[in-house]
Amino acid sequence: MMLRVREQGGEVHIDVDGVAGRQQRVLQALTECQRRAYGGREMPSVLTGVSVRAGANRMRIRLTGSDGLRFEATVIYQCLRDALLERGVPAGAVQPMP
């Protein structure tokens, strides 16, 4: 599984290749990251848009923050990587994309 997270304008783009039927796992990992960011508390409405495009082996996720809120791409990447590894994806299977 290859993971790339980058900022573009006021959005964060998350590209995941090699998901091969694990799309739900990626979405669950993203949800876990949101919960971790708020210490398990009720999350404020910080997103104005979430776009998910998924194919058989690829996912493209776009997050748009509300009121000029910026997301840290590196924090999202690290959290997703950790969450996916905790869910049993073999070590080394989540790699940054060039």
C-alpha atoms as a PDB file:
ATOM      1  CA  MET A   1       0.000   0.000   0.000  1.00  0.00           C
ATOM      2  CA  MET A   2       1.405   3.375  -1.009  1.00  0.00           C
ATOM      3  CA  LEU A   3       0.250   6.502   0.818  1.00  0.00           C
ATOM      4  CA  ARG A   4       0.741  10.150  -0.134  1.00  0.00           C
ATOM      5  CA  VAL A   5      -0.713  13.138   1.721  1.00  0.00           C
ATOM      6  CA  ARG A   6      -0.197  16.672   0.435  1.00  0.00           C
ATOM      7  CA  GLU A   7      -1.612  20.146   0.866  1.00  0.00           C
ATOM      8  CA  GLN A   8      -2.953  21.947  -2.158  1.00  0.00           C
ATOM      9  CA  GLY A   9      -4.467  25.351  -1.587  1.00  0.00           C
ATOM     10  CA  GLY A  10      -6.887  25.065   1.317  1.00  0.00           C
ATOM     11  CA  GLU A  11      -7.301  21.331   0.864  1.00  0.00           C
ATOM     12  CA  VAL A  12      -5.502  18.138   1.796  1.00  0.00           C
ATOM     13  CA  HIS A  13      -5.265  15.431  -0.839  1.00  0.00           C
ATOM     14  CA  ILE A  14      -4.778  11.838   0.286  1.00  0.00           C
ATOM     15  CA  ASP A  15      -3.771   9.300  -2.371  1.00  0.00           C
ATOM     16  CA  VAL A  16      -3.687   5.609  -1.515  1.00  0.00           C
ATOM     17  CA  ASP A  17      -2.600   3.039  -4.082  1.00  0.00           C
ATOM     18  CA  GLY A  18      -2.627  -0.711  -3.623  1.00  0.00           C
ATOM     19  CA  VAL A  19      -5.734  -0.825  -1.432  1.00  0.00           C
ATOM     20  CA  ALA A  20      -7.108  -3.952  -3.154  1.00  0.00           C
ATOM     21  CA  GLY A  21     -10.358  -4.298  -1.220  1.00  0.00           C
ATOM     22  CA  ARG A  22      -9.212  -2.437   1.901  1.00  0.00           C
ATOM     23  CA  GLN A  23     -10.975   0.856   1.113  1.00  0.00           C
ATOM     24  CA  GLN A  24     -13.162   0.619   4.210  1.00  0.00           C
ATOM     25  CA  ARG A  25     -10.052   0.104   6.338  1.00  0.00           C
ATOM     26  CA  VAL A  26      -8.544   3.331   4.990  1.00  0.00           C
ATOM     27  CA  LEU A  27     -11.733   5.288   5.767  1.00  0.00           C
ATOM     28  CA  GLN A  28     -11.830   3.807   9.277  1.00  0.00           C
ATOM     29  CA  ALA A  29      -8.191   4.832   9.789  1.00  0.00           C
ATOM     30  CA  LEU A  30      -9.048   8.396   8.742  1.00  0.00           C
ATOM     31  CA  THR A  31     -11.931   8.442  11.239  1.00  0.00           C
ATOM     32  CA  GLU A  32      -9.611   7.153  13.969  1.00  0.00           C
ATOM     33  CA  CYS A  33      -7.183   9.963  13.184  1.00  0.00           C
ATOM     34  CA  GLN A  34      -9.946  12.526  13.627  1.00  0.00           C
ATOM     35  CA  ARG A  35     -10.880  11.017  16.988  1.00  0.00           C
ATOM     36  CA  ARG A  36      -7.254  11.007  18.131  1.00  0.00           C
ATOM     37  CA  ALA A  37      -6.894  14.656  17.173  1.00  0.00           C
ATOM     38  CA  TYR A  38      -9.668  15.532  19.623  1.00  0.00           C
ATOM     39  CA  GLY A  39      -8.762  13.063  22.358  1.00  0.00           C
ATOM     40  CA  GLY A  40     -11.919  11.029  21.787  1.00  0.00           C
ATOM     41  CA  ARG A  41     -14.148  14.067  22.455  1.00  0.00           C
ATOM     42  CA  GLU A  42     -16.937  15.209  20.174  1.00  0.00           C
ATOM     43  CA  MET A  43     -15.307  16.667  17.095  1.00  0.00           C
ATOM     44  CA  PRO A  44     -16.251  20.177  16.036  1.00  0.00           C
ATOM     45  CA  SER A  45     -17.414  20.655  12.475  1.00  0.00           C
ATOM     46  CA  VAL A  46     -14.061  21.486  10.886  1.00  0.00           C
ATOM     47  CA  LEU A  47     -14.697  20.062   7.427  1.00  0.00           C
ATOM     48  CA  THR A  48     -16.731  21.759   4.755  1.00  0.00           C
ATOM     49  CA  GLY A  49     -16.074  19.025   2.255  1.00  0.00           C
ATOM     50  CA  VAL A  50     -14.910  15.465   1.961  1.00  0.00           C
ATOM     51  CA  SER A  51     -14.574  13.876  -1.444  1.00  0.00           C
ATOM     52  CA  VAL A  52     -13.756  10.185  -1.858  1.00  0.00           C
ATOM     53  CA  ARG A  53     -13.084   8.511  -5.180  1.00  0.00           C
ATOM     54  CA  ALA A  54     -12.297   4.824  -4.978  1.00  0.00           C
ATOM     55  CA  GLY A  55     -11.452   2.215  -7.551  1.00  0.00           C
ATOM     56  CA  ALA A  56     -10.448  -1.411  -7.264  1.00  0.00           C
ATOM     57  CA  ASN A  57      -6.893  -0.603  -6.190  1.00  0.00           C
ATOM     58  CA  ARG A  58      -6.768   3.183  -5.665  1.00  0.00           C
ATOM     59  CA  MET A  59      -8.373   5.828  -3.464  1.00  0.00           C
ATOM     60  CA  ARG A  60      -8.332   9.599  -3.723  1.00  0.00           C
ATOM     61  CA  ILE A  61      -9.607  11.557  -0.710  1.00  0.00           C
ATOM     62  CA  ARG A  62      -9.894  15.359  -0.579  1.00  0.00           C
ATOM     63  CA  LEU A  63     -10.509  17.231   2.681  1.00  0.00           C
ATOM     64  CA  THR A  64     -11.578  20.877   2.741  1.00  0.00           C
ATOM     65  CA  GLY A  65     -11.454  22.792   6.032  1.00  0.00           C
ATOM     66  CA  SER A  66     -14.022  25.289   7.227  1.00  0.00           C
ATOM     67  CA  ASP A  67     -13.299  28.979   7.791  1.00  0.00           C
ATOM     68  CA  GLY A  68      -9.764  28.863   6.411  1.00  0.00           C
ATOM     69  CA  LEU A  69      -8.746  25.973   8.681  1.00  0.00           C
ATOM     70  CA  ARG A  70      -5.534  24.324   7.511  1.00  0.00           C
ATOM     71  CA  PHE A  71      -4.672  20.703   8.057  1.00  0.00           C
ATOM     72  CA  GLU A  72      -1.105  19.522   8.579  1.00  0.00           C
ATOM     73  CA  ALA A  73      -0.398  17.003   5.834  1.00  0.00           C
ATOM     74  CA  THR A  74       2.514  15.451   7.741  1.00  0.00           C
ATOM     75  CA  VAL A  75       0.362  14.887  10.841  1.00  0.00           C
ATOM     76  CA  ILE A  76      -2.384  13.275   8.752  1.00  0.00           C
ATOM     77  CA  TYR A  77       0.167  11.093   6.973  1.00  0.00           C
ATOM     78  CA  GLN A  78       1.743   9.903  10.221  1.00  0.00           C
ATOM     79  CA  CYS A  79      -1.606   9.187  11.829  1.00  0.00           C
ATOM     80  CA  LEU A  80      -2.914   7.265   8.814  1.00  0.00           C
ATOM     81  CA  ARG A  81       0.313   5.293   8.585  1.00  0.00           C
ATOM     82  CA  ASP A  82       0.136   4.404  12.282  1.00  0.00           C
ATOM     83  CA  ALA A  83      -3.589   3.571  12.158  1.00  0.00           C
ATOM     84  CA  LEU A  84      -3.177   1.341   9.110  1.00  0.00           C
ATOM     85  CA  LEU A  85      -0.218  -0.464  10.642  1.00  0.00           C
ATOM     86  CA  GLU A  86      -2.154  -1.028  13.886  1.00  0.00           C
ATOM     87  CA  ARG A  87      -4.934  -2.648  11.873  1.00  0.00           C
ATOM     88  CA  GLY A  88      -2.671  -5.414  10.663  1.00  0.00           C
ATOM     89  CA  VAL A  89      -1.257  -4.144   7.385  1.00  0.00           C
ATOM     90  CA  PRO A  90       2.213  -5.736   7.316  1.00  0.00           C
ATOM     91  CA  ALA A  91       5.118  -3.570   8.476  1.00  0.00           C
ATOM     92  CA  GLY A  92       6.679  -1.770   5.547  1.00  0.00           C
ATOM     93  CA  ALA A  93       3.524  -2.113   3.466  1.00  0.00           C
ATOM     94  CA  VAL A  94       2.558   1.540   3.947  1.00  0.00           C
ATOM     95  CA  GLN A  95       5.147   3.575   2.128  1.00  0.00           C
ATOM     96  CA  PRO A  96       5.275   7.207   1.060  1.00  0.00           C
ATOM     97  CA  MET A  97       4.738   7.828  -2.618  1.00  0.00           C
ATOM     98  CA  PRO A  98       7.455   9.761  -4.437  1.00  0.00           C
END
